[in-house]
Amino acid sequence: MGPVDRDQRGTLRYGHSASSYTKIFKHLNVSRVIRLNEPKYDKAAFTKNGIDHDEMIFIDGSAPPQGIVD
């Protein structure tokens, strides 16, 4: 499970917010996050805190396209 933003009412849908992950990642010296499926959070939570963010999106449960692997 990855980070998720809150819904329209401000309730956390499930999991942890991106800002929660940011605190942990900074503590562990993580410098880059790669999103592998559909966006469920705003990547700015990472980038504004000095953590690079990339996207390599493919359908959950499938193998990534060869272009992503290369």
N, C-alpha and C. Protein backbone atom coordinates (compact mmCIF):
# COMPACT_ATOMS: atom_id res chain seq x y z
N MET A 1 0.85 -1.17 0.00
CA MET A 1 0.00 0.00 0.00
C MET A 1 0.89 1.23 0.00
N GLY A 2 0.54 2.19 -0.78
CA GLY A 2 1.29 3.42 -0.86
C GLY A 2 0.53 4.58 -0.24
N PRO A 3 1.07 5.77 -0.36
CA PRO A 3 0.41 6.94 0.24
C PRO A 3 -0.89 7.30 -0.46
N VAL A 4 -1.81 7.87 0.30
CA VAL A 4 -3.10 8.33 -0.23
C VAL A 4 -3.41 9.69 0.35
N ASP A 5 -4.10 10.51 -0.42
CA ASP A 5 -4.56 11.80 0.08
C ASP A 5 -5.90 11.61 0.78
N ARG A 6 -6.33 12.63 1.47
CA ARG A 6 -7.62 12.59 2.15
C ARG A 6 -8.75 12.81 1.14
N ASP A 7 -9.96 12.33 1.47
CA ASP A 7 -11.09 12.53 0.58
C ASP A 7 -11.62 13.96 0.71
N GLN A 8 -12.72 14.27 0.04
CA GLN A 8 -13.25 15.63 0.01
C GLN A 8 -13.65 16.14 1.40
N ARG A 9 -13.97 15.24 2.32
CA ARG A 9 -14.36 15.64 3.68
C ARG A 9 -13.15 15.77 4.60
N GLY A 10 -11.96 15.45 4.07
CA GLY A 10 -10.76 15.53 4.89
C GLY A 10 -10.44 14.24 5.63
N THR A 11 -11.20 13.19 5.35
CA THR A 11 -10.99 11.90 6.00
C THR A 11 -9.96 11.10 5.21
N LEU A 12 -9.00 10.51 5.90
CA LEU A 12 -8.01 9.66 5.25
C LEU A 12 -8.73 8.40 4.76
N ARG A 13 -8.64 8.14 3.47
CA ARG A 13 -9.39 7.03 2.87
C ARG A 13 -8.91 5.69 3.41
N TYR A 14 -7.65 5.40 3.32
CA TYR A 14 -7.03 4.20 3.85
C TYR A 14 -5.53 4.39 3.74
N GLY A 15 -4.78 3.77 4.57
CA GLY A 15 -3.33 3.93 4.51
C GLY A 15 -2.87 5.20 5.19
N HIS A 16 -1.70 5.69 4.77
CA HIS A 16 -1.10 6.87 5.36
C HIS A 16 -0.96 7.97 4.31
N SER A 17 -0.97 9.19 4.77
CA SER A 17 -0.84 10.32 3.85
C SER A 17 0.59 10.39 3.32
N ALA A 18 0.75 11.08 2.21
CA ALA A 18 2.08 11.26 1.63
C ALA A 18 3.00 12.00 2.60
N SER A 19 2.46 12.95 3.35
CA SER A 19 3.29 13.68 4.30
C SER A 19 3.81 12.78 5.41
N SER A 20 3.05 11.75 5.79
CA SER A 20 3.54 10.77 6.77
C SER A 20 4.73 10.00 6.22
N TYR A 21 4.63 9.60 4.96
CA TYR A 21 5.74 8.90 4.31
C TYR A 21 6.96 9.81 4.20
N THR A 22 6.72 11.09 3.92
CA THR A 22 7.83 12.03 3.76
C THR A 22 8.69 12.08 5.01
N LYS A 23 8.07 12.14 6.16
CA LYS A 23 8.82 12.17 7.42
C LYS A 23 9.68 10.92 7.59
N ILE A 24 9.11 9.79 7.30
CA ILE A 24 9.84 8.51 7.41
C ILE A 24 10.97 8.46 6.39
N PHE A 25 10.66 8.83 5.14
CA PHE A 25 11.66 8.76 4.07
C PHE A 25 12.84 9.70 4.35
N LYS A 26 12.56 10.89 4.85
CA LYS A 26 13.66 11.81 5.17
C LYS A 26 14.55 11.21 6.26
N HIS A 27 13.95 10.58 7.26
CA HIS A 27 14.69 9.94 8.33
C HIS A 27 15.59 8.82 7.79
N LEU A 28 15.11 8.12 6.76
CA LEU A 28 15.84 7.00 6.17
C LEU A 28 16.72 7.42 4.99
N ASN A 29 16.80 8.72 4.73
CA ASN A 29 17.59 9.26 3.62
C ASN A 29 17.13 8.79 2.24
N VAL A 30 15.83 8.56 2.10
CA VAL A 30 15.26 8.23 0.79
C VAL A 30 15.26 9.51 -0.04
N SER A 31 15.74 9.42 -1.28
CA SER A 31 15.85 10.62 -2.10
C SER A 31 14.93 10.61 -3.32
N ARG A 32 14.26 9.48 -3.60
CA ARG A 32 13.39 9.39 -4.78
C ARG A 32 12.25 8.43 -4.52
N VAL A 33 11.05 8.82 -4.96
CA VAL A 33 9.86 7.98 -4.91
C VAL A 33 9.43 7.72 -6.35
N ILE A 34 9.05 6.49 -6.64
CA ILE A 34 8.57 6.14 -7.97
C ILE A 34 7.15 5.60 -7.84
N ARG A 35 6.20 6.30 -8.47
CA ARG A 35 4.80 5.87 -8.45
C ARG A 35 4.62 4.81 -9.54
N LEU A 36 4.02 3.67 -9.17
CA LEU A 36 3.86 2.57 -10.11
C LEU A 36 2.43 2.36 -10.60
N ASN A 37 1.46 3.01 -9.97
CA ASN A 37 0.08 2.86 -10.42
C ASN A 37 -0.63 4.20 -10.38
N GLU A 38 -1.95 4.18 -10.49
CA GLU A 38 -2.70 5.43 -10.63
C GLU A 38 -2.45 6.37 -9.44
N PRO A 39 -2.45 7.67 -9.71
CA PRO A 39 -2.20 8.65 -8.64
C PRO A 39 -3.26 8.59 -7.55
N LYS A 40 -2.81 8.47 -6.31
CA LYS A 40 -3.70 8.52 -5.15
C LYS A 40 -3.23 9.59 -4.17
N TYR A 41 -2.22 10.35 -4.56
CA TYR A 41 -1.68 11.40 -3.72
C TYR A 41 -1.02 12.45 -4.60
N ASP A 42 -0.83 13.61 -4.03
CA ASP A 42 -0.17 14.72 -4.74
C ASP A 42 1.34 14.56 -4.56
N LYS A 43 2.06 14.41 -5.66
CA LYS A 43 3.50 14.20 -5.58
C LYS A 43 4.24 15.38 -4.96
N ALA A 44 3.59 16.55 -4.89
CA ALA A 44 4.21 17.73 -4.28
C ALA A 44 4.54 17.51 -2.80
N ALA A 45 3.84 16.58 -2.15
CA ALA A 45 4.16 16.26 -0.75
C ALA A 45 5.60 15.80 -0.64
N PHE A 46 6.11 15.15 -1.68
CA PHE A 46 7.50 14.70 -1.69
C PHE A 46 8.43 15.77 -2.26
N THR A 47 8.09 16.30 -3.42
CA THR A 47 9.01 17.21 -4.10
C THR A 47 9.27 18.49 -3.32
N LYS A 48 8.26 19.00 -2.62
CA LYS A 48 8.48 20.22 -1.84
C LYS A 48 9.34 19.97 -0.60
N ASN A 49 9.57 18.70 -0.30
CA ASN A 49 10.42 18.31 0.83
C ASN A 49 11.75 17.72 0.37
N GLY A 50 12.11 17.99 -0.89
CA GLY A 50 13.42 17.57 -1.39
C GLY A 50 13.54 16.12 -1.80
N ILE A 51 12.41 15.43 -1.98
CA ILE A 51 12.42 14.04 -2.44
C ILE A 51 11.95 14.02 -3.89
N ASP A 52 12.79 13.55 -4.80
CA ASP A 52 12.42 13.48 -6.21
C ASP A 52 11.27 12.51 -6.39
N HIS A 53 10.48 12.74 -7.44
CA HIS A 53 9.31 11.89 -7.71
C HIS A 53 9.24 11.59 -9.20
N ASP A 54 9.16 10.31 -9.53
CA ASP A 54 9.01 9.87 -10.93
C ASP A 54 7.78 8.98 -11.04
N GLU A 55 7.33 8.79 -12.28
CA GLU A 55 6.17 7.94 -12.56
C GLU A 55 6.57 6.85 -13.54
N MET A 56 6.24 5.62 -13.21
CA MET A 56 6.45 4.47 -14.09
C MET A 56 5.18 3.63 -14.00
N ILE A 57 4.08 4.22 -14.46
CA ILE A 57 2.76 3.64 -14.24
C ILE A 57 2.49 2.47 -15.18
N PHE A 58 1.98 1.38 -14.59
CA PHE A 58 1.47 0.25 -15.34
C PHE A 58 0.36 -0.41 -14.54
N ILE A 59 -0.45 -1.23 -15.17
CA ILE A 59 -1.62 -1.83 -14.54
C ILE A 59 -1.18 -2.75 -13.40
N ASP A 60 -1.81 -2.57 -12.22
CA ASP A 60 -1.50 -3.42 -11.07
C ASP A 60 -1.63 -4.90 -11.42
N GLY A 61 -0.68 -5.69 -10.95
CA GLY A 61 -0.70 -7.13 -11.17
C GLY A 61 -0.11 -7.55 -12.50
N SER A 62 0.28 -6.60 -13.32
CA SER A 62 0.86 -6.95 -14.61
C SER A 62 2.36 -6.67 -14.59
N ALA A 63 3.02 -7.14 -15.61
CA ALA A 63 4.44 -6.81 -15.77
C ALA A 63 4.54 -5.43 -16.42
N PRO A 64 5.51 -4.63 -16.03
CA PRO A 64 5.66 -3.33 -16.66
C PRO A 64 6.05 -3.47 -18.13
N PRO A 65 5.64 -2.52 -18.96
CA PRO A 65 6.05 -2.55 -20.35
C PRO A 65 7.57 -2.51 -20.47
N GLN A 66 8.10 -3.09 -21.53
CA GLN A 66 9.54 -3.16 -21.73
C GLN A 66 10.18 -1.78 -21.69
N GLY A 67 9.49 -0.75 -22.20
CA GLY A 67 10.04 0.60 -22.19
C GLY A 67 10.30 1.14 -20.80
N ILE A 68 9.52 0.70 -19.82
CA ILE A 68 9.74 1.12 -18.44
C ILE A 68 10.93 0.38 -17.84
N VAL A 69 11.08 -0.88 -18.20
CA VAL A 69 12.15 -1.71 -17.64
C VAL A 69 13.52 -1.27 -18.16
N ASP A 70 13.57 -0.85 -19.43
CA ASP A 70 14.86 -0.48 -20.04
C ASP A 70 15.52 0.69 -19.41
